Amino acid sequence: TEIGKGARVGEPRAAGHGIAVLGTGVRVAENAVV
């Protein structure tokens, strides 16, 4: 998996929103947010 420049995946654990999950082969674009 590749996380693009400036992208954000997930949030602090304390936020309580749960675990972000990316499957195999996912491409996260530059500055994108998961």
All heavy atoms as atom14 arrays in JSON, in Angstrom:
{
  "sequence": "TEIGKGARVGEPRAAGHGIAVLGTGVRVAENAVV",
  "atom14_mask": [
    [1, 1, 1, 1, 1, 1, 1, 0, 0, 0, 0, 0, 0, 0],
    [1, 1, 1, 1, 1, 1, 1, 1, 1, 0, 0, 0, 0, 0],
    [1, 1, 1, 1, 1, 1, 1, 1, 0, 0, 0, 0, 0, 0],
    [1, 1, 1, 1, 0, 0, 0, 0, 0, 0, 0, 0, 0, 0],
    [1, 1, 1, 1, 1, 1, 1, 1, 1, 0, 0, 0, 0, 0],
    [1, 1, 1, 1, 0, 0, 0, 0, 0, 0, 0, 0, 0, 0],
    [1, 1, 1, 1, 1, 0, 0, 0, 0, 0, 0, 0, 0, 0],
    [1, 1, 1, 1, 1, 1, 1, 1, 1, 1, 1, 0, 0, 0],
    [1, 1, 1, 1, 1, 1, 1, 0, 0, 0, 0, 0, 0, 0],
    [1, 1, 1, 1, 0, 0, 0, 0, 0, 0, 0, 0, 0, 0],
    [1, 1, 1, 1, 1, 1, 1, 1, 1, 0, 0, 0, 0, 0],
    [1, 1, 1, 1, 1, 1, 1, 0, 0, 0, 0, 0, 0, 0],
    [1, 1, 1, 1, 1, 1, 1, 1, 1, 1, 1, 0, 0, 0],
    [1, 1, 1, 1, 1, 0, 0, 0, 0, 0, 0, 0, 0, 0],
    [1, 1, 1, 1, 1, 0, 0, 0, 0, 0, 0, 0, 0, 0],
    [1, 1, 1, 1, 0, 0, 0, 0, 0, 0, 0, 0, 0, 0],
    [1, 1, 1, 1, 1, 1, 1, 1, 1, 1, 0, 0, 0, 0],
    [1, 1, 1, 1, 0, 0, 0, 0, 0, 0, 0, 0, 0, 0],
    [1, 1, 1, 1, 1, 1, 1, 1, 0, 0, 0, 0, 0, 0],
    [1, 1, 1, 1, 1, 0, 0, 0, 0, 0, 0, 0, 0, 0],
    [1, 1, 1, 1, 1, 1, 1, 0, 0, 0, 0, 0, 0, 0],
    [1, 1, 1, 1, 1, 1, 1, 1, 0, 0, 0, 0, 0, 0],
    [1, 1, 1, 1, 0, 0, 0, 0, 0, 0, 0, 0, 0, 0],
    [1, 1, 1, 1, 1, 1, 1, 0, 0, 0, 0, 0, 0, 0],
    [1, 1, 1, 1, 0, 0, 0, 0, 0, 0, 0, 0, 0, 0],
    [1, 1, 1, 1, 1, 1, 1, 0, 0, 0, 0, 0, 0, 0],
    [1, 1, 1, 1, 1, 1, 1, 1, 1, 1, 1, 0, 0, 0],
    [1, 1, 1, 1, 1, 1, 1, 0, 0, 0, 0, 0, 0, 0],
    [1, 1, 1, 1, 1, 0, 0, 0, 0, 0, 0, 0, 0, 0],
    [1, 1, 1, 1, 1, 1, 1, 1, 1, 0, 0, 0, 0, 0],
    [1, 1, 1, 1, 1, 1, 1, 1, 0, 0, 0, 0, 0, 0],
    [1, 1, 1, 1, 1, 0, 0, 0, 0, 0, 0, 0, 0, 0],
    [1, 1, 1, 1, 1, 1, 1, 0, 0, 0, 0, 0, 0, 0],
    [1, 1, 1, 1, 1, 1, 1, 0, 0, 0, 0, 0, 0, 0]
  ],
  "atom14_positions": [
    [[0.84, -1.2, 0.0], [0.0, 0.0, 0.0], [0.88, 1.25, 0.0], [1.96, 1.25, 0.56], [-0.93, -0.01, 1.24], [-1.83, -1.11, 1.12], [-1.73, 1.26, 1.35], [0.0, 0.0, 0.0], [0.0, 0.0, 0.0], [0.0, 0.0, 0.0], [0.0, 0.0, 0.0], [0.0, 0.0, 0.0], [0.0, 0.0, 0.0], [0.0, 0.0, 0.0]],
    [[0.39, 2.3, -0.65], [1.15, 3.55, -0.73], [0.29, 4.72, -0.25], [-0.84, 4.89, -0.69], [1.62, 3.81, -2.16], [2.44, 5.09, -2.29], [3.05, 5.25, -3.68], [3.19, 4.22, -4.4], [3.37, 6.39, -4.05], [0.0, 0.0, 0.0], [0.0, 0.0, 0.0], [0.0, 0.0, 0.0], [0.0, 0.0, 0.0], [0.0, 0.0, 0.0]],
    [[0.85, 5.51, 0.67], [0.18, 6.69, 1.18], [0.85, 7.91, 0.56], [2.05, 8.13, 0.74], [0.28, 6.78, 2.72], [-0.08, 5.43, 3.37], [-0.59, 7.9, 3.25], [-1.45, 4.93, 3.05], [0.0, 0.0, 0.0], [0.0, 0.0, 0.0], [0.0, 0.0, 0.0], [0.0, 0.0, 0.0], [0.0, 0.0, 0.0], [0.0, 0.0, 0.0]],
    [[0.09, 8.69, -0.19], [0.66, 9.81, -0.94], [1.15, 10.96, -0.06], [0.84, 11.04, 1.13], [0.0, 0.0, 0.0], [0.0, 0.0, 0.0], [0.0, 0.0, 0.0], [0.0, 0.0, 0.0], [0.0, 0.0, 0.0], [0.0, 0.0, 0.0], [0.0, 0.0, 0.0], [0.0, 0.0, 0.0], [0.0, 0.0, 0.0], [0.0, 0.0, 0.0]],
    [[1.9, 11.85, -0.67], [2.45, 13.01, 0.04], [1.34, 13.83, 0.7], [0.32, 14.12, 0.08], [3.23, 13.9, -0.92], [4.49, 13.28, -1.49], [5.19, 14.25, -2.43], [6.46, 13.64, -3.02], [7.16, 14.58, -3.93], [0.0, 0.0, 0.0], [0.0, 0.0, 0.0], [0.0, 0.0, 0.0], [0.0, 0.0, 0.0], [0.0, 0.0, 0.0]],
    [[1.57, 14.17, 1.96], [0.63, 15.03, 2.66], [-0.7, 14.4, 3.01], [-1.59, 15.07, 3.56], [0.0, 0.0, 0.0], [0.0, 0.0, 0.0], [0.0, 0.0, 0.0], [0.0, 0.0, 0.0], [0.0, 0.0, 0.0], [0.0, 0.0, 0.0], [0.0, 0.0, 0.0], [0.0, 0.0, 0.0], [0.0, 0.0, 0.0], [0.0, 0.0, 0.0]],
    [[-0.89, 13.13, 2.7], [-2.16, 12.45, 2.99], [-2.27, 12.14, 4.48], [-1.27, 12.12, 5.21], [-2.28, 11.17, 2.18], [0.0, 0.0, 0.0], [0.0, 0.0, 0.0], [0.0, 0.0, 0.0], [0.0, 0.0, 0.0], [0.0, 0.0, 0.0], [0.0, 0.0, 0.0], [0.0, 0.0, 0.0], [0.0, 0.0, 0.0], [0.0, 0.0, 0.0]],
    [[-3.49, 11.91, 4.91], [-3.73, 11.55, 6.3], [-4.6, 10.29, 6.36], [-5.67, 10.24, 5.75], [-4.4, 12.68, 7.07], [-4.63, 12.33, 8.54], [-5.2, 13.47, 9.36], [-5.23, 13.08, 10.76], [-4.26, 13.26, 11.63], [-3.15, 13.87, 11.25], [-4.36, 12.85, 12.88], [0.0, 0.0, 0.0], [0.0, 0.0, 0.0], [0.0, 0.0, 0.0]],
    [[-4.13, 9.29, 7.1], [-4.88, 8.05, 7.31], [-5.1, 7.87, 8.8], [-4.15, 7.76, 9.57], [-4.13, 6.84, 6.74], [-4.89, 5.55, 7.04], [-3.91, 6.99, 5.24], [0.0, 0.0, 0.0], [0.0, 0.0, 0.0], [0.0, 0.0, 0.0], [0.0, 0.0, 0.0], [0.0, 0.0, 0.0], [0.0, 0.0, 0.0], [0.0, 0.0, 0.0]],
    [[-6.36, 7.85, 9.22], [-6.7, 7.64, 10.62], [-6.69, 8.92, 11.43], [-6.33, 10.0, 10.95], [0.0, 0.0, 0.0], [0.0, 0.0, 0.0], [0.0, 0.0, 0.0], [0.0, 0.0, 0.0], [0.0, 0.0, 0.0], [0.0, 0.0, 0.0], [0.0, 0.0, 0.0], [0.0, 0.0, 0.0], [0.0, 0.0, 0.0], [0.0, 0.0, 0.0]],
    [[-7.11, 8.76, 12.68], [-7.19, 9.88, 13.62], [-6.63, 9.43, 14.96], [-6.51, 8.23, 15.21], [-8.65, 10.33, 13.77], [-9.28, 10.8, 12.47], [-10.78, 11.07, 12.61], [-11.21, 11.37, 13.74], [-11.48, 10.95, 11.6], [0.0, 0.0, 0.0], [0.0, 0.0, 0.0], [0.0, 0.0, 0.0], [0.0, 0.0, 0.0], [0.0, 0.0, 0.0]],
    [[-6.3, 10.36, 15.85], [-5.78, 9.96, 17.16], [-6.71, 8.97, 17.86], [-7.94, 9.08, 17.76], [-5.69, 11.27, 17.93], [-5.52, 12.31, 16.87], [-6.34, 11.83, 15.7], [0.0, 0.0, 0.0], [0.0, 0.0, 0.0], [0.0, 0.0, 0.0], [0.0, 0.0, 0.0], [0.0, 0.0, 0.0], [0.0, 0.0, 0.0], [0.0, 0.0, 0.0]],
    [[-6.13, 8.02, 18.55], [-6.93, 7.01, 19.24], [-7.93, 7.64, 20.19], [-9.06, 7.15, 20.35], [-5.99, 6.06, 19.98], [-6.67, 4.85, 20.56], [-5.67, 3.97, 21.29], [-6.3, 2.81, 21.87], [-5.72, 2.01, 22.75], [-4.45, 2.25, 23.13], [-6.36, 0.97, 23.26], [0.0, 0.0, 0.0], [0.0, 0.0, 0.0], [0.0, 0.0, 0.0]],
    [[-7.53, 8.71, 20.83], [-8.39, 9.38, 21.82], [-9.66, 9.94, 21.2], [-10.64, 10.2, 21.9], [-7.61, 10.48, 22.52], [0.0, 0.0, 0.0], [0.0, 0.0, 0.0], [0.0, 0.0, 0.0], [0.0, 0.0, 0.0], [0.0, 0.0, 0.0], [0.0, 0.0, 0.0], [0.0, 0.0, 0.0], [0.0, 0.0, 0.0], [0.0, 0.0, 0.0]],
    [[-9.66, 10.13, 19.88], [-10.84, 10.69, 19.22], [-12.02, 9.73, 19.27], [-13.18, 10.13, 19.14], [-10.51, 11.05, 17.78], [0.0, 0.0, 0.0], [0.0, 0.0, 0.0], [0.0, 0.0, 0.0], [0.0, 0.0, 0.0], [0.0, 0.0, 0.0], [0.0, 0.0, 0.0], [0.0, 0.0, 0.0], [0.0, 0.0, 0.0], [0.0, 0.0, 0.0]],
    [[-11.71, 8.43, 19.42], [-12.77, 7.43, 19.59], [-13.5, 7.03, 18.32], [-14.57, 6.43, 18.39], [0.0, 0.0, 0.0], [0.0, 0.0, 0.0], [0.0, 0.0, 0.0], [0.0, 0.0, 0.0], [0.0, 0.0, 0.0], [0.0, 0.0, 0.0], [0.0, 0.0, 0.0], [0.0, 0.0, 0.0], [0.0, 0.0, 0.0], [0.0, 0.0, 0.0]],
    [[-12.91, 7.31, 17.15], [-13.58, 6.98, 15.89], [-13.21, 5.6, 15.35], [-13.74, 5.18, 14.31], [-13.26, 8.05, 14.84], [-13.82, 9.39, 15.18], [-13.25, 10.58, 14.78], [-14.9, 9.75, 15.93], [-13.96, 11.6, 15.23], [-14.95, 11.12, 15.95], [0.0, 0.0, 0.0], [0.0, 0.0, 0.0], [0.0, 0.0, 0.0], [0.0, 0.0, 0.0]],
    [[-12.31, 4.93, 16.01], [-11.94, 3.58, 15.59], [-10.7, 3.53, 14.72], [-10.1, 4.56, 14.37], [0.0, 0.0, 0.0], [0.0, 0.0, 0.0], [0.0, 0.0, 0.0], [0.0, 0.0, 0.0], [0.0, 0.0, 0.0], [0.0, 0.0, 0.0], [0.0, 0.0, 0.0], [0.0, 0.0, 0.0], [0.0, 0.0, 0.0], [0.0, 0.0, 0.0]],
    [[-10.33, 2.32, 14.35], [-9.11, 2.06, 13.6], [-9.37, 2.2, 12.1], [-10.31, 1.6, 11.58], [-8.58, 0.65, 13.9], [-8.28, 0.51, 15.4], [-7.33, 0.35, 13.08], [-8.02, -0.92, 15.84], [0.0, 0.0, 0.0], [0.0, 0.0, 0.0], [0.0, 0.0, 0.0], [0.0, 0.0, 0.0], [0.0, 0.0, 0.0], [0.0, 0.0, 0.0]],
    [[-8.56, 2.99, 11.42], [-8.63, 3.06, 9.96], [-7.94, 1.84, 9.38], [-6.89, 1.43, 9.87], [-7.97, 4.33, 9.47], [0.0, 0.0, 0.0], [0.0, 0.0, 0.0], [0.0, 0.0, 0.0], [0.0, 0.0, 0.0], [0.0, 0.0, 0.0], [0.0, 0.0, 0.0], [0.0, 0.0, 0.0], [0.0, 0.0, 0.0], [0.0, 0.0, 0.0]],
    [[-8.53, 1.26, 8.33], [-7.98, 0.02, 7.75], [-7.87, 0.18, 6.24], [-8.85, 0.55, 5.57], [-8.87, -1.19, 8.08], [-8.3, -2.45, 7.45], [-9.01, -1.36, 9.59], [0.0, 0.0, 0.0], [0.0, 0.0, 0.0], [0.0, 0.0, 0.0], [0.0, 0.0, 0.0], [0.0, 0.0, 0.0], [0.0, 0.0, 0.0], [0.0, 0.0, 0.0]],
    [[-6.69, -0.13, 5.7], [-6.48, -0.13, 4.26], [-6.09, -1.54, 3.83], [-5.16, -2.13, 4.39], [-5.37, 0.85, 3.87], [-5.56, 2.32, 4.24], [-4.4, 3.15, 3.72], [-6.87, 2.85, 3.7], [0.0, 0.0, 0.0], [0.0, 0.0, 0.0], [0.0, 0.0, 0.0], [0.0, 0.0, 0.0], [0.0, 0.0, 0.0], [0.0, 0.0, 0.0]],
    [[-6.79, -2.09, 2.85], [-6.48, -3.41, 2.34], [-5.24, -3.4, 1.46], [-4.67, -2.35, 1.16], [0.0, 0.0, 0.0], [0.0, 0.0, 0.0], [0.0, 0.0, 0.0], [0.0, 0.0, 0.0], [0.0, 0.0, 0.0], [0.0, 0.0, 0.0], [0.0, 0.0, 0.0], [0.0, 0.0, 0.0], [0.0, 0.0, 0.0], [0.0, 0.0, 0.0]],
    [[-4.85, -4.58, 1.01], [-3.65, -4.7, 0.2], [-3.79, -3.96, -1.13], [-4.84, -3.95, -1.76], [-3.33, -6.18, -0.06], [-2.09, -6.27, -0.77], [-4.41, -6.86, -0.87], [0.0, 0.0, 0.0], [0.0, 0.0, 0.0], [0.0, 0.0, 0.0], [0.0, 0.0, 0.0], [0.0, 0.0, 0.0], [0.0, 0.0, 0.0], [0.0, 0.0, 0.0]],
    [[-2.68, -3.31, -1.52], [-2.63, -2.66, -2.82], [-3.33, -1.32, -2.93], [-3.4, -0.74, -4.03], [0.0, 0.0, 0.0], [0.0, 0.0, 0.0], [0.0, 0.0, 0.0], [0.0, 0.0, 0.0], [0.0, 0.0, 0.0], [0.0, 0.0, 0.0], [0.0, 0.0, 0.0], [0.0, 0.0, 0.0], [0.0, 0.0, 0.0], [0.0, 0.0, 0.0]],
    [[-3.83, -0.76, -1.84], [-4.54, 0.52, -1.88], [-3.55, 1.66, -2.15], [-2.43, 1.67, -1.65], [-5.31, 0.78, -0.56], [-5.82, 2.22, -0.49], [-6.46, -0.2, -0.43], [0.0, 0.0, 0.0], [0.0, 0.0, 0.0], [0.0, 0.0, 0.0], [0.0, 0.0, 0.0], [0.0, 0.0, 0.0], [0.0, 0.0, 0.0], [0.0, 0.0, 0.0]],
    [[-3.99, 2.63, -2.95], [-3.21, 3.84, -3.2], [-3.99, 5.04, -2.7], [-5.09, 5.31, -3.18], [-2.92, 3.99, -4.71], [-2.1, 2.87, -5.31], [-0.66, 2.89, -4.77], [0.16, 1.83, -5.33], [0.39, 0.65, -4.76], [-0.2, 0.38, -3.59], [1.19, -0.23, -5.32], [0.0, 0.0, 0.0], [0.0, 0.0, 0.0], [0.0, 0.0, 0.0]],
    [[-3.43, 5.75, -1.72], [-4.06, 6.94, -1.17], [-3.41, 8.15, -1.84], [-2.19, 8.33, -1.77], [-3.9, 7.02, 0.36], [-4.52, 8.3, 0.91], [-4.54, 5.79, 1.01], [0.0, 0.0, 0.0], [0.0, 0.0, 0.0], [0.0, 0.0, 0.0], [0.0, 0.0, 0.0], [0.0, 0.0, 0.0], [0.0, 0.0, 0.0], [0.0, 0.0, 0.0]],
    [[-4.21, 8.97, -2.48], [-3.69, 10.09, -3.26], [-3.07, 11.17, -2.37], [-3.31, 11.23, -1.15], [-4.82, 10.71, -4.09], [0.0, 0.0, 0.0], [0.0, 0.0, 0.0], [0.0, 0.0, 0.0], [0.0, 0.0, 0.0], [0.0, 0.0, 0.0], [0.0, 0.0, 0.0], [0.0, 0.0, 0.0], [0.0, 0.0, 0.0], [0.0, 0.0, 0.0]],
    [[-2.27, 12.03, -2.99], [-1.66, 13.15, -2.27], [-2.74, 13.99, -1.59], [-3.79, 14.29, -2.18], [-0.86, 14.04, -3.23], [0.41, 13.4, -3.75], [1.25, 14.38, -4.55], [0.99, 15.61, -4.44], [2.16, 13.94, -5.27], [0.0, 0.0, 0.0], [0.0, 0.0, 0.0], [0.0, 0.0, 0.0], [0.0, 0.0, 0.0], [0.0, 0.0, 0.0]],
    [[-2.47, 14.33, -0.33], [-3.34, 15.21, 0.47], [-4.74, 14.64, 0.71], [-5.63, 15.35, 1.18], [-3.45, 16.6, -0.17], [-2.11, 17.28, -0.3], [-1.32, 17.31, 0.64], [-1.82, 17.79, -1.5], [0.0, 0.0, 0.0], [0.0, 0.0, 0.0], [0.0, 0.0, 0.0], [0.0, 0.0, 0.0], [0.0, 0.0, 0.0], [0.0, 0.0, 0.0]],
    [[-4.96, 13.36, 0.39], [-6.27, 12.74, 0.64], [-6.4, 12.41, 2.13], [-5.42, 12.37, 2.87], [-6.41, 11.48, -0.2], [0.0, 0.0, 0.0], [0.0, 0.0, 0.0], [0.0, 0.0, 0.0], [0.0, 0.0, 0.0], [0.0, 0.0, 0.0], [0.0, 0.0, 0.0], [0.0, 0.0, 0.0], [0.0, 0.0, 0.0], [0.0, 0.0, 0.0]],
    [[-7.64, 12.18, 2.55], [-7.92, 11.88, 3.96], [-8.74, 10.59, 4.06], [-9.76, 10.44, 3.39], [-8.69, 13.03, 4.64], [-9.08, 12.64, 6.07], [-7.87, 14.31, 4.64], [0.0, 0.0, 0.0], [0.0, 0.0, 0.0], [0.0, 0.0, 0.0], [0.0, 0.0, 0.0], [0.0, 0.0, 0.0], [0.0, 0.0, 0.0], [0.0, 0.0, 0.0]],
    [[-8.25, 9.66, 4.88], [-9.0, 8.46, 5.24], [-9.34, 8.6, 6.71], [-8.45, 8.62, 7.57], [-8.18, 7.18, 4.99], [-8.99, 5.95, 5.42], [-7.77, 7.07, 3.53], [0.0, 0.0, 0.0], [0.0, 0.0, 0.0], [0.0, 0.0, 0.0], [0.0, 0.0, 0.0], [0.0, 0.0, 0.0], [0.0, 0.0, 0.0], [0.0, 0.0, 0.0]]
  ]
}
